[in-house]
Amino acid sequence: MAKKSSIETNNRRAKLAKQYAAKRARLKAAAVDESLSLEEQFQARLKLAELPRNSALVRVRNRCEVTGRPRAYYRKLKMSRVALRELGGLGLIPGLVKSSW
């Protein structure tokens, strides 16, 4: 189980990223738009830099919803390999069959 503080920090980052997504996208589009003048592009970059760092989607880490583990994460199932093996062995994941030969 991951530290609760790490999980909560990540949840706060995800919430901030969702909150600022539209504004960040608009400013990024203005920053790379070549039809605008260089000063307008520069102003958009400055405003983008003023946004909170944790509002960037890049800073959100994929974590297992069961254990909070940040590595070996399966996006489709939203869980780590460890949780997948445990729940799969118990038969709690539909369609997953334990292989044996």
PDB file of N, CA and C in Angstrom:
ATOM      1  N   MET A   1       0.847  -1.187   0.000  1.00  0.00           N
ATOM      2  CA  MET A   1       0.000   0.000   0.000  1.00  0.00           C
ATOM      3  C   MET A   1       0.880   1.233   0.000  1.00  0.00           C
ATOM      4  N   ALA A   2       0.563   2.163  -0.871  1.00  0.00           N
ATOM      5  CA  ALA A   2       1.335   3.408  -0.969  1.00  0.00           C
ATOM      6  C   ALA A   2       0.999   4.316   0.209  1.00  0.00           C
ATOM      7  N   LYS A   3       1.881   5.280   0.448  1.00  0.00           N
ATOM      8  CA  LYS A   3       1.625   6.241   1.511  1.00  0.00           C
ATOM      9  C   LYS A   3       0.388   7.058   1.167  1.00  0.00           C
ATOM     10  N   LYS A   4      -0.419   7.321   2.171  1.00  0.00           N
ATOM     11  CA  LYS A   4      -1.647   8.082   1.941  1.00  0.00           C
ATOM     12  C   LYS A   4      -1.342   9.482   1.428  1.00  0.00           C
ATOM     13  N   SER A   5      -0.226  10.056   1.876  1.00  0.00           N
ATOM     14  CA  SER A   5       0.125  11.403   1.434  1.00  0.00           C
ATOM     15  C   SER A   5       0.424  11.429  -0.062  1.00  0.00           C
ATOM     16  N   SER A   6       1.074  10.392  -0.560  1.00  0.00           N
ATOM     17  CA  SER A   6       1.378  10.317  -1.996  1.00  0.00           C
ATOM     18  C   SER A   6       0.097  10.196  -2.820  1.00  0.00           C
ATOM     19  N   ILE A   7      -0.816   9.394  -2.328  1.00  0.00           N
ATOM     20  CA  ILE A   7      -2.080   9.202  -3.035  1.00  0.00           C
ATOM     21  C   ILE A   7      -2.879  10.502  -3.041  1.00  0.00           C
ATOM     22  N   GLU A   8      -2.933  11.186  -1.901  1.00  0.00           N
ATOM     23  CA  GLU A   8      -3.686  12.432  -1.800  1.00  0.00           C
ATOM     24  C   GLU A   8      -3.065  13.540  -2.648  1.00  0.00           C
ATOM     25  N   THR A   9      -1.729  13.602  -2.665  1.00  0.00           N
ATOM     26  CA  THR A   9      -1.044  14.585  -3.511  1.00  0.00           C
ATOM     27  C   THR A   9      -1.404  14.366  -4.972  1.00  0.00           C
ATOM     28  N   ASN A  10      -1.411  13.124  -5.381  1.00  0.00           N
ATOM     29  CA  ASN A  10      -1.747  12.794  -6.760  1.00  0.00           C
ATOM     30  C   ASN A  10      -3.203  13.141  -7.065  1.00  0.00           C
ATOM     31  N   ASN A  11      -4.096  12.905  -6.104  1.00  0.00           N
ATOM     32  CA  ASN A  11      -5.507  13.250  -6.303  1.00  0.00           C
ATOM     33  C   ASN A  11      -5.689  14.758  -6.434  1.00  0.00           C
ATOM     34  N   ARG A  12      -4.943  15.532  -5.643  1.00  0.00           N
ATOM     35  CA  ARG A  12      -5.010  16.993  -5.749  1.00  0.00           C
ATOM     36  C   ARG A  12      -4.509  17.460  -7.110  1.00  0.00           C
ATOM     37  N   ARG A  13      -3.433  16.828  -7.592  1.00  0.00           N
ATOM     38  CA  ARG A  13      -2.903  17.181  -8.911  1.00  0.00           C
ATOM     39  C   ARG A  13      -3.918  16.883 -10.006  1.00  0.00           C
ATOM     40  N   ALA A  14      -4.579  15.742  -9.916  1.00  0.00           N
ATOM     41  CA  ALA A  14      -5.585  15.374 -10.917  1.00  0.00           C
ATOM     42  C   ALA A  14      -6.743  16.364 -10.906  1.00  0.00           C
ATOM     43  N   LYS A  15      -7.147  16.786  -9.712  1.00  0.00           N
ATOM     44  CA  LYS A  15      -8.241  17.751  -9.591  1.00  0.00           C
ATOM     45  C   LYS A  15      -7.843  19.100 -10.187  1.00  0.00           C
ATOM     46  N   LEU A  16      -6.630  19.554  -9.902  1.00  0.00           N
ATOM     47  CA  LEU A  16      -6.142  20.822 -10.453  1.00  0.00           C
ATOM     48  C   LEU A  16      -6.008  20.748 -11.967  1.00  0.00           C
ATOM     49  N   ALA A  17      -5.519  19.625 -12.471  1.00  0.00           N
ATOM     50  CA  ALA A  17      -5.342  19.458 -13.913  1.00  0.00           C
ATOM     51  C   ALA A  17      -6.689  19.546 -14.627  1.00  0.00           C
ATOM     52  N   LYS A  18      -7.699  18.951 -14.027  1.00  0.00           N
ATOM     53  CA  LYS A  18      -9.040  18.999 -14.617  1.00  0.00           C
ATOM     54  C   LYS A  18      -9.596  20.421 -14.568  1.00  0.00           C
ATOM     55  N   GLN A  19      -9.339  21.114 -13.469  1.00  0.00           N
ATOM     56  CA  GLN A  19      -9.854  22.471 -13.282  1.00  0.00           C
ATOM     57  C   GLN A  19      -9.259  23.453 -14.289  1.00  0.00           C
ATOM     58  N   TYR A  20      -7.955  23.333 -14.557  1.00  0.00           N
ATOM     59  CA  TYR A  20      -7.265  24.279 -15.431  1.00  0.00           C
ATOM     60  C   TYR A  20      -7.100  23.790 -16.864  1.00  0.00           C
ATOM     61  N   ALA A  21      -7.675  22.656 -17.218  1.00  0.00           N
ATOM     62  CA  ALA A  21      -7.449  22.054 -18.536  1.00  0.00           C
ATOM     63  C   ALA A  21      -7.831  22.982 -19.688  1.00  0.00           C
ATOM     64  N   ALA A  22      -8.991  23.590 -19.607  1.00  0.00           N
ATOM     65  CA  ALA A  22      -9.460  24.448 -20.702  1.00  0.00           C
ATOM     66  C   ALA A  22      -8.583  25.696 -20.847  1.00  0.00           C
ATOM     67  N   LYS A  23      -8.271  26.328 -19.729  1.00  0.00           N
ATOM     68  CA  LYS A  23      -7.450  27.540 -19.758  1.00  0.00           C
ATOM     69  C   LYS A  23      -6.045  27.230 -20.279  1.00  0.00           C
ATOM     70  N   ARG A  24      -5.488  26.113 -19.804  1.00  0.00           N
ATOM     71  CA  ARG A  24      -4.148  25.706 -20.236  1.00  0.00           C
ATOM     72  C   ARG A  24      -4.130  25.404 -21.735  1.00  0.00           C
ATOM     73  N   ALA A  25      -5.152  24.734 -22.235  1.00  0.00           N
ATOM     74  CA  ALA A  25      -5.224  24.406 -23.664  1.00  0.00           C
ATOM     75  C   ALA A  25      -5.325  25.667 -24.514  1.00  0.00           C
ATOM     76  N   ARG A  26      -6.135  26.634 -24.053  1.00  0.00           N
ATOM     77  CA  ARG A  26      -6.297  27.887 -24.783  1.00  0.00           C
ATOM     78  C   ARG A  26      -4.978  28.650 -24.841  1.00  0.00           C
ATOM     79  N   LEU A  27      -4.276  28.732 -23.709  1.00  0.00           N
ATOM     80  CA  LEU A  27      -3.000  29.457 -23.672  1.00  0.00           C
ATOM     81  C   LEU A  27      -1.927  28.750 -24.503  1.00  0.00           C
ATOM     82  N   LYS A  28      -1.910  27.415 -24.461  1.00  0.00           N
ATOM     83  CA  LYS A  28      -0.930  26.674 -25.267  1.00  0.00           C
ATOM     84  C   LYS A  28      -1.172  26.893 -26.751  1.00  0.00           C
ATOM     85  N   ALA A  29      -2.442  26.897 -27.148  1.00  0.00           N
ATOM     86  CA  ALA A  29      -2.772  27.126 -28.555  1.00  0.00           C
ATOM     87  C   ALA A  29      -2.338  28.520 -28.986  1.00  0.00           C
ATOM     88  N   ALA A  30      -2.531  29.506 -28.117  1.00  0.00           N
ATOM     89  CA  ALA A  30      -2.129  30.881 -28.440  1.00  0.00           C
ATOM     90  C   ALA A  30      -0.602  31.002 -28.485  1.00  0.00           C
ATOM     91  N   ALA A  31       0.097  30.238 -27.651  1.00  0.00           N
ATOM     92  CA  ALA A  31       1.555  30.331 -27.587  1.00  0.00           C
ATOM     93  C   ALA A  31       2.223  29.792 -28.851  1.00  0.00           C
ATOM     94  N   VAL A  32       1.596  28.845 -29.519  1.00  0.00           N
ATOM     95  CA  VAL A  32       2.201  28.266 -30.722  1.00  0.00           C
ATOM     96  C   VAL A  32       1.550  28.755 -32.021  1.00  0.00           C
ATOM     97  N   ASP A  33       0.525  29.595 -31.904  1.00  0.00           N
ATOM     98  CA  ASP A  33      -0.180  30.116 -33.075  1.00  0.00           C
ATOM     99  C   ASP A  33       0.680  31.163 -33.785  1.00  0.00           C
ATOM    100  N   GLU A  34       1.115  30.833 -34.986  1.00  0.00           N
ATOM    101  CA  GLU A  34       2.014  31.725 -35.720  1.00  0.00           C
ATOM    102  C   GLU A  34       1.296  32.907 -36.362  1.00  0.00           C
ATOM    103  N   SER A  35      -0.028  32.882 -36.384  1.00  0.00           N
ATOM    104  CA  SER A  35      -0.765  34.017 -36.940  1.00  0.00           C
ATOM    105  C   SER A  35      -0.775  35.197 -35.962  1.00  0.00           C
ATOM    106  N   LEU A  36      -0.506  34.934 -34.690  1.00  0.00           N
ATOM    107  CA  LEU A  36      -0.413  36.004 -33.696  1.00  0.00           C
ATOM    108  C   LEU A  36       0.973  36.624 -33.731  1.00  0.00           C
ATOM    109  N   SER A  37       1.068  37.832 -33.207  1.00  0.00           N
ATOM    110  CA  SER A  37       2.377  38.490 -33.166  1.00  0.00           C
ATOM    111  C   SER A  37       3.253  37.816 -32.104  1.00  0.00           C
ATOM    112  N   LEU A  38       4.551  38.077 -32.188  1.00  0.00           N
ATOM    113  CA  LEU A  38       5.473  37.476 -31.228  1.00  0.00           C
ATOM    114  C   LEU A  38       5.184  37.930 -29.801  1.00  0.00           C
ATOM    115  N   GLU A  39       4.762  39.182 -29.640  1.00  0.00           N
ATOM    116  CA  GLU A  39       4.449  39.687 -28.298  1.00  0.00           C
ATOM    117  C   GLU A  39       3.238  38.979 -27.703  1.00  0.00           C
ATOM    118  N   GLU A  40       2.226  38.726 -28.534  1.00  0.00           N
ATOM    119  CA  GLU A  40       1.041  38.018 -28.048  1.00  0.00           C
ATOM    120  C   GLU A  40       1.377  36.577 -27.678  1.00  0.00           C
ATOM    121  N   GLN A  41       2.230  35.946 -28.491  1.00  0.00           N
ATOM    122  CA  GLN A  41       2.660  34.584 -28.168  1.00  0.00           C
ATOM    123  C   GLN A  41       3.439  34.569 -26.854  1.00  0.00           C
ATOM    124  N   PHE A  42       4.304  35.550 -26.676  1.00  0.00           N
ATOM    125  CA  PHE A  42       5.113  35.634 -25.467  1.00  0.00           C
ATOM    126  C   PHE A  42       4.233  35.872 -24.234  1.00  0.00           C
ATOM    127  N   GLN A  43       3.221  36.726 -24.382  1.00  0.00           N
ATOM    128  CA  GLN A  43       2.296  36.978 -23.270  1.00  0.00           C
ATOM    129  C   GLN A  43       1.540  35.704 -22.893  1.00  0.00           C
ATOM    130  N   ALA A  44       1.162  34.928 -23.892  1.00  0.00           N
ATOM    131  CA  ALA A  44       0.471  33.664 -23.613  1.00  0.00           C
ATOM    132  C   ALA A  44       1.387  32.710 -22.854  1.00  0.00           C
ATOM    133  N   ARG A  45       2.676  32.684 -23.223  1.00  0.00           N
ATOM    134  CA  ARG A  45       3.627  31.827 -22.514  1.00  0.00           C
ATOM    135  C   ARG A  45       3.836  32.291 -21.071  1.00  0.00           C
ATOM    136  N   LEU A  46       3.860  33.609 -20.872  1.00  0.00           N
ATOM    137  CA  LEU A  46       4.007  34.130 -19.509  1.00  0.00           C
ATOM    138  C   LEU A  46       2.798  33.764 -18.649  1.00  0.00           C
ATOM    139  N   LYS A  47       1.604  33.885 -19.213  1.00  0.00           N
ATOM    140  CA  LYS A  47       0.395  33.516 -18.468  1.00  0.00           C
ATOM    141  C   LYS A  47       0.366  32.016 -18.183  1.00  0.00           C
ATOM    142  N   LEU A  48       0.862  31.241 -19.133  1.00  0.00           N
ATOM    143  CA  LEU A  48       0.940  29.796 -18.941  1.00  0.00           C
ATOM    144  C   LEU A  48       1.893  29.455 -17.799  1.00  0.00           C
ATOM    145  N   ALA A  49       2.979  30.197 -17.697  1.00  0.00           N
ATOM    146  CA  ALA A  49       3.953  29.954 -16.635  1.00  0.00           C
ATOM    147  C   ALA A  49       3.422  30.369 -15.263  1.00  0.00           C
ATOM    148  N   GLU A  50       2.437  31.273 -15.238  1.00  0.00           N
ATOM    149  CA  GLU A  50       1.859  31.721 -13.971  1.00  0.00           C
ATOM    150  C   GLU A  50       0.880  30.714 -13.380  1.00  0.00           C
ATOM    151  N   LEU A  51       0.398  29.787 -14.207  1.00  0.00           N
ATOM    152  CA  LEU A  51      -0.528  28.776 -13.696  1.00  0.00           C
ATOM    153  C   LEU A  51       0.215  27.861 -12.716  1.00  0.00           C
ATOM    154  N   PRO A  52      -0.513  27.249 -11.786  1.00  0.00           N
ATOM    155  CA  PRO A  52       0.149  26.334 -10.839  1.00  0.00           C
ATOM    156  C   PRO A  52       0.810  25.170 -11.572  1.00  0.00           C
ATOM    157  N   ARG A  53       1.978  24.781 -11.107  1.00  0.00           N
ATOM    158  CA  ARG A  53       2.686  23.665 -11.757  1.00  0.00           C
ATOM    159  C   ARG A  53       1.890  22.380 -11.690  1.00  0.00           C
ATOM    160  N   ASN A  54       1.213  22.165 -10.580  1.00  0.00           N
ATOM    161  CA  ASN A  54       0.453  20.926 -10.414  1.00  0.00           C
ATOM    162  C   ASN A  54      -0.816  20.895 -11.263  1.00  0.00           C
ATOM    163  N   SER A  55      -1.079  21.952 -12.017  1.00  0.00           N
ATOM    164  CA  SER A  55      -2.245  21.937 -12.898  1.00  0.00           C
ATOM    165  C   SER A  55      -1.901  21.318 -14.256  1.00  0.00           C
ATOM    166  N   ALA A  56      -0.649  20.936 -14.453  1.00  0.00           N
ATOM    167  CA  ALA A  56      -0.249  20.289 -15.707  1.00  0.00           C
ATOM    168  C   ALA A  56      -0.586  18.801 -15.637  1.00  0.00           C
ATOM    169  N   LEU A  57      -1.178  18.278 -16.687  1.00  0.00           N
ATOM    170  CA  LEU A  57      -1.574  16.870 -16.727  1.00  0.00           C
ATOM    171  C   LEU A  57      -0.368  15.941 -16.649  1.00  0.00           C
ATOM    172  N   VAL A  58       0.784  16.430 -17.068  1.00  0.00           N
ATOM    173  CA  VAL A  58       2.005  15.622 -17.060  1.00  0.00           C
ATOM    174  C   VAL A  58       2.397  15.225 -15.640  1.00  0.00           C
ATOM    175  N   ARG A  59       2.044  16.037 -14.659  1.00  0.00           N
ATOM    176  CA  ARG A  59       2.451  15.784 -13.283  1.00  0.00           C
ATOM    177  C   ARG A  59       1.564  14.776 -12.561  1.00  0.00           C
ATOM    178  N   VAL A  60       0.461  14.383 -13.189  1.00  0.00           N
ATOM    179  CA  VAL A  60      -0.423  13.382 -12.587  1.00  0.00           C
ATOM    180  C   VAL A  60       0.145  12.002 -12.881  1.00  0.00           C
ATOM    181  N   ARG A  61       0.264  11.203 -11.842  1.00  0.00           N
ATOM    182  CA  ARG A  61       0.849   9.870 -11.963  1.00  0.00           C
ATOM    183  C   ARG A  61      -0.264   8.834 -11.978  1.00  0.00           C
ATOM    184  N   ASN A  62      -0.185   7.871 -12.886  1.00  0.00           N
ATOM    185  CA  ASN A  62      -1.149   6.774 -12.889  1.00  0.00           C
ATOM    186  C   ASN A  62      -0.883   5.893 -11.670  1.00  0.00           C
ATOM    187  N   ARG A  63      -1.905   5.679 -10.866  1.00  0.00           N
ATOM    188  CA  ARG A  63      -1.764   4.858  -9.662  1.00  0.00           C
ATOM    189  C   ARG A  63      -2.864   3.811  -9.621  1.00  0.00           C
ATOM    190  N   CYS A  64      -2.543   2.685  -9.032  1.00  0.00           N
ATOM    191  CA  CYS A  64      -3.495   1.599  -8.846  1.00  0.00           C
ATOM    192  C   CYS A  64      -4.622   2.086  -7.932  1.00  0.00           C
ATOM    193  N   GLU A  65      -5.863   1.830  -8.325  1.00  0.00           N
ATOM    194  CA  GLU A  65      -6.992   2.257  -7.500  1.00  0.00           C
ATOM    195  C   GLU A  65      -7.179   1.376  -6.282  1.00  0.00           C
ATOM    196  N   VAL A  66      -6.608   0.184  -6.292  1.00  0.00           N
ATOM    197  CA  VAL A  66      -6.745  -0.732  -5.167  1.00  0.00           C
ATOM    198  C   VAL A  66      -5.671  -0.458  -4.118  1.00  0.00           C
ATOM    199  N   THR A  67      -4.409  -0.393  -4.556  1.00  0.00           N
ATOM    200  CA  THR A  67      -3.299  -0.272  -3.605  1.00  0.00           C
ATOM    201  C   THR A  67      -2.596   1.077  -3.623  1.00  0.00           C
ATOM    202  N   GLY A  68      -2.751   1.840  -4.704  1.00  0.00           N
ATOM    203  CA  GLY A  68      -2.050   3.110  -4.824  1.00  0.00           C
ATOM    204  C   GLY A  68      -0.651   2.968  -5.395  1.00  0.00           C
ATOM    205  N   ARG A  69      -0.283   1.778  -5.805  1.00  0.00           N
ATOM    206  CA  ARG A  69       1.049   1.528  -6.354  1.00  0.00           C
ATOM    207  C   ARG A  69       1.246   2.307  -7.661  1.00  0.00           C
ATOM    208  N   PRO A  70       2.381   3.041  -7.802  1.00  0.00           N
ATOM    209  CA  PRO A  70       2.570   3.880  -8.987  1.00  0.00           C
ATOM    210  C   PRO A  70       3.205   3.164 -10.175  1.00  0.00           C
ATOM    211  N   ARG A  71       3.739   1.988  -9.969  1.00  0.00           N
ATOM    212  CA  ARG A  71       4.433   1.293 -11.072  1.00  0.00           C
ATOM    213  C   ARG A  71       3.670   0.046 -11.491  1.00  0.00           C
ATOM    214  N   ALA A  72       4.028  -0.470 -12.672  1.00  0.00           N
ATOM    215  CA  ALA A  72       3.402  -1.671 -13.243  1.00  0.00           C
ATOM    216  C   ALA A  72       1.887  -1.494 -13.289  1.00  0.00           C
ATOM    217  N   TYR A  73       1.455  -0.385 -13.891  1.00  0.00           N
ATOM    218  CA  TYR A  73       0.048   0.009 -13.917  1.00  0.00           C
ATOM    219  C   TYR A  73      -0.575  -0.380 -15.253  1.00  0.00           C
ATOM    220  N   TYR A  74      -1.697  -1.086 -15.198  1.00  0.00           N
ATOM    221  CA  TYR A  74      -2.450  -1.434 -16.398  1.00  0.00           C
ATOM    222  C   TYR A  74      -3.564  -0.405 -16.583  1.00  0.00           C
ATOM    223  N   ARG A  75      -3.489   0.386 -17.644  1.00  0.00           N
ATOM    224  CA  ARG A  75      -4.446   1.469 -17.847  1.00  0.00           C
ATOM    225  C   ARG A  75      -5.865   0.957 -18.036  1.00  0.00           C
ATOM    226  N   LYS A  76      -6.002  -0.138 -18.759  1.00  0.00           N
ATOM    227  CA  LYS A  76      -7.332  -0.652 -19.060  1.00  0.00           C
ATOM    228  C   LYS A  76      -8.079  -1.058 -17.791  1.00  0.00           C
ATOM    229  N   LEU A  77      -7.352  -1.606 -16.822  1.00  0.00           N
ATOM    230  CA  LEU A  77      -7.977  -2.081 -15.586  1.00  0.00           C
ATOM    231  C   LEU A  77      -7.823  -1.114 -14.425  1.00  0.00           C
ATOM    232  N   LYS A  78      -6.970  -0.084 -14.594  1.00  0.00           N
ATOM    233  CA  LYS A  78      -6.681   0.912 -13.563  1.00  0.00           C
ATOM    234  C   LYS A  78      -6.158   0.280 -12.279  1.00  0.00           C
ATOM    235  N   MET A  79      -5.310  -0.733 -12.449  1.00  0.00           N
ATOM    236  CA  MET A  79      -4.700  -1.356 -11.279  1.00  0.00           C
ATOM    237  C   MET A  79      -3.309  -1.878 -11.616  1.00  0.00           C
ATOM    238  N   SER A  80      -2.541  -2.155 -10.578  1.00  0.00           N
ATOM    239  CA  SER A  80      -1.174  -2.626 -10.762  1.00  0.00           C
ATOM    240  C   SER A  80      -1.171  -4.140 -10.986  1.00  0.00           C
ATOM    241  N   ARG A  81      -0.028  -4.639 -11.375  1.00  0.00           N
ATOM    242  CA  ARG A  81       0.100  -6.072 -11.646  1.00  0.00           C
ATOM    243  C   ARG A  81      -0.096  -6.899 -10.385  1.00  0.00           C
ATOM    244  N   VAL A  82       0.307  -6.359  -9.238  1.00  0.00           N
ATOM    245  CA  VAL A  82       0.180  -7.084  -7.974  1.00  0.00           C
ATOM    246  C   VAL A  82      -1.293  -7.263  -7.614  1.00  0.00           C
ATOM    247  N   ALA A  83      -2.062  -6.162  -7.699  1.00  0.00           N
ATOM    248  CA  ALA A  83      -3.491  -6.232  -7.403  1.00  0.00           C
ATOM    249  C   ALA A  83      -4.210  -7.090  -8.435  1.00  0.00           C
ATOM    250  N   LEU A  84      -3.777  -7.001  -9.690  1.00  0.00           N
ATOM    251  CA  LEU A  84      -4.383  -7.803 -10.755  1.00  0.00           C
ATOM    252  C   LEU A  84      -4.206  -9.292 -10.470  1.00  0.00           C
ATOM    253  N   ARG A  85      -3.024  -9.665 -10.035  1.00  0.00           N
ATOM    254  CA  ARG A  85      -2.754 -11.077  -9.743  1.00  0.00           C
ATOM    255  C   ARG A  85      -3.582 -11.565  -8.558  1.00  0.00           C
ATOM    256  N   GLU A  86      -3.664 -10.745  -7.519  1.00  0.00           N
ATOM    257  CA  GLU A  86      -4.436 -11.148  -6.335  1.00  0.00           C
ATOM    258  C   GLU A  86      -5.924 -11.286  -6.660  1.00  0.00           C
ATOM    259  N   LEU A  87      -6.507 -10.259  -7.269  1.00  0.00           N
ATOM    260  CA  LEU A  87      -7.935 -10.287  -7.570  1.00  0.00           C
ATOM    261  C   LEU A  87      -8.267 -11.305  -8.656  1.00  0.00           C
ATOM    262  N   GLY A  88      -7.350 -11.474  -9.613  1.00  0.00           N
ATOM    263  CA  GLY A  88      -7.564 -12.468 -10.656  1.00  0.00           C
ATOM    264  C   GLY A  88      -7.543 -13.879 -10.102  1.00  0.00           C
ATOM    265  N   GLY A  89      -6.651 -14.130  -9.159  1.00  0.00           N
ATOM    266  CA  GLY A  89      -6.576 -15.449  -8.526  1.00  0.00           C
ATOM    267  C   GLY A  89      -7.826 -15.775  -7.732  1.00  0.00           C
ATOM    268  N   LEU A  90      -8.461 -14.747  -7.191  1.00  0.00           N
ATOM    269  CA  LEU A  90      -9.701 -14.946  -6.432  1.00  0.00           C
ATOM    270  C   LEU A  90     -10.925 -15.004  -7.340  1.00  0.00           C
ATOM    271  N   GLY A  91     -10.724 -14.722  -8.632  1.00  0.00           N
ATOM    272  CA  GLY A  91     -11.824 -14.763  -9.585  1.00  0.00           C
ATOM    273  C   GLY A  91     -12.710 -13.534  -9.554  1.00  0.00           C
ATOM    274  N   LEU A  92     -12.178 -12.412  -9.102  1.00  0.00           N
ATOM    275  CA  LEU A  92     -12.972 -11.191  -8.977  1.00  0.00           C
ATOM    276  C   LEU A  92     -12.912 -10.302 -10.216  1.00  0.00           C
ATOM    277  N   ILE A  93     -12.085 -10.662 -11.203  1.00  0.00           N
ATOM    278  CA  ILE A  93     -12.001  -9.874 -12.432  1.00  0.00           C
ATOM    279  C   ILE A  93     -12.648 -10.677 -13.556  1.00  0.00           C
ATOM    280  N   PRO A  94     -13.764 -10.170 -14.098  1.00  0.00           N
ATOM    281  CA  PRO A  94     -14.479 -10.919 -15.147  1.00  0.00           C
ATOM    282  C   PRO A  94     -13.605 -11.099 -16.397  1.00  0.00           C
ATOM    283  N   GLY A  95     -13.622 -12.287 -16.935  1.00  0.00           N
ATOM    284  CA  GLY A  95     -12.889 -12.565 -18.163  1.00  0.00           C
ATOM    285  C   GLY A  95     -11.433 -12.943 -17.974  1.00  0.00           C
ATOM    286  N   LEU A  96     -10.908 -12.813 -16.775  1.00  0.00           N
ATOM    287  CA  LEU A  96      -9.513 -13.146 -16.519  1.00  0.00           C
ATOM    288  C   LEU A  96      -9.426 -14.582 -16.010  1.00  0.00           C
ATOM    289  N   VAL A  97      -8.644 -15.398 -16.705  1.00  0.00           N
ATOM    290  CA  VAL A  97      -8.493 -16.792 -16.333  1.00  0.00           C
ATOM    291  C   VAL A  97      -7.033 -17.041 -15.980  1.00  0.00           C
ATOM    292  N   LYS A  98      -6.789 -17.676 -14.846  1.00  0.00           N
ATOM    293  CA  LYS A  98      -5.431 -17.992 -14.439  1.00  0.00           C
ATOM    294  C   LYS A  98      -4.924 -19.121 -15.325  1.00  0.00           C
ATOM    295  N   SER A  99      -3.745 -18.898 -15.875  1.00  0.00           N
ATOM    296  CA  SER A  99      -3.183 -19.871 -16.798  1.00  0.00           C
ATOM    297  C   SER A  99      -2.368 -20.916 -16.041  1.00  0.00           C
ATOM    298  N   SER A 100      -2.463 -22.150 -16.503  1.00  0.00           N
ATOM    299  CA  SER A 100      -1.614 -23.210 -15.935  1.00  0.00           C
ATOM    300  C   SER A 100      -1.363 -24.248 -17.025  1.00  0.00           C
ATOM    301  N   TRP A 101      -0.154 -24.777 -17.055  1.00  0.00           N
ATOM    302  CA  TRP A 101       0.176 -25.804 -18.054  1.00  0.00           C
ATOM    303  C   TRP A 101       1.150 -26.805 -17.515  1.00  0.00           C
TER     304      TRP A 101
END
